[in-house]
Amino acid sequence: MGEHPENTSTQHKLKPSLSIPSVLFVCMGNICRSPAAEAIWLHKVKEATGSSDFDCDSAGTISYHAGEKADHRMRQALANRGYFSVSTARQIQAADVQRFDHILAMDRSNVEMIYQMFGPDPVLQSKLHLFCDFAGMQHRRDIPDPYYGGLHGFTMVIDLLERGCDQIMDRLSICPATR
């Protein structure tokens, strides 16, 4: 079994780009929604730009799953679409507020928890957004947590994240390398 392209390089977490804004995706446990958003973002941006020279990561508001891979159901649903999650769960840290240009939370409770953790910091306020709002998803505020549901919930979340990542790429003017 060969290495997946996303598995062969950690450059996307080590070398910030001057042209592609850095993004941190956040959910509660960092095992379903945010690692899926990270995997989709990594794939789409690399495919569009031909570069892996950008900073992207995911984190959770709690540390309960720290050190774990993404939920096996999410990894399977992602693999069924050609995406591969290589992230390890971790809790969001104060350093992330300085490191990332955009911090995109999957739901309103994640936003509230982040403000409880770090306070009303003006830098944080300028960077923290709901994923759906930042993506311009008019009729949705939250990406639902699929953890307690069946496989359909995981595939629905991937549908929403794919659409949202495409819209965020448009918003941030991340264009194909051939343009």
Foldseek 3Di string as FASTA:
>chain_A
DDDDPVRPDPQQAPAADPQDFEEEEEEAWQQAQRLLLQQLLQVVLCQQAVDSRHHYYYEHLDAPQAQAHHDPLLQVLQVVVPTHRPHGYHHDDPVVLVVGQAYEYQAPVRVVSVCVVPNPDVSNVNHYDHLCVLLVVPPDRHLDDCVPDDSVSSNVSSVVSNSSSVSNCVVSVSGGNVD
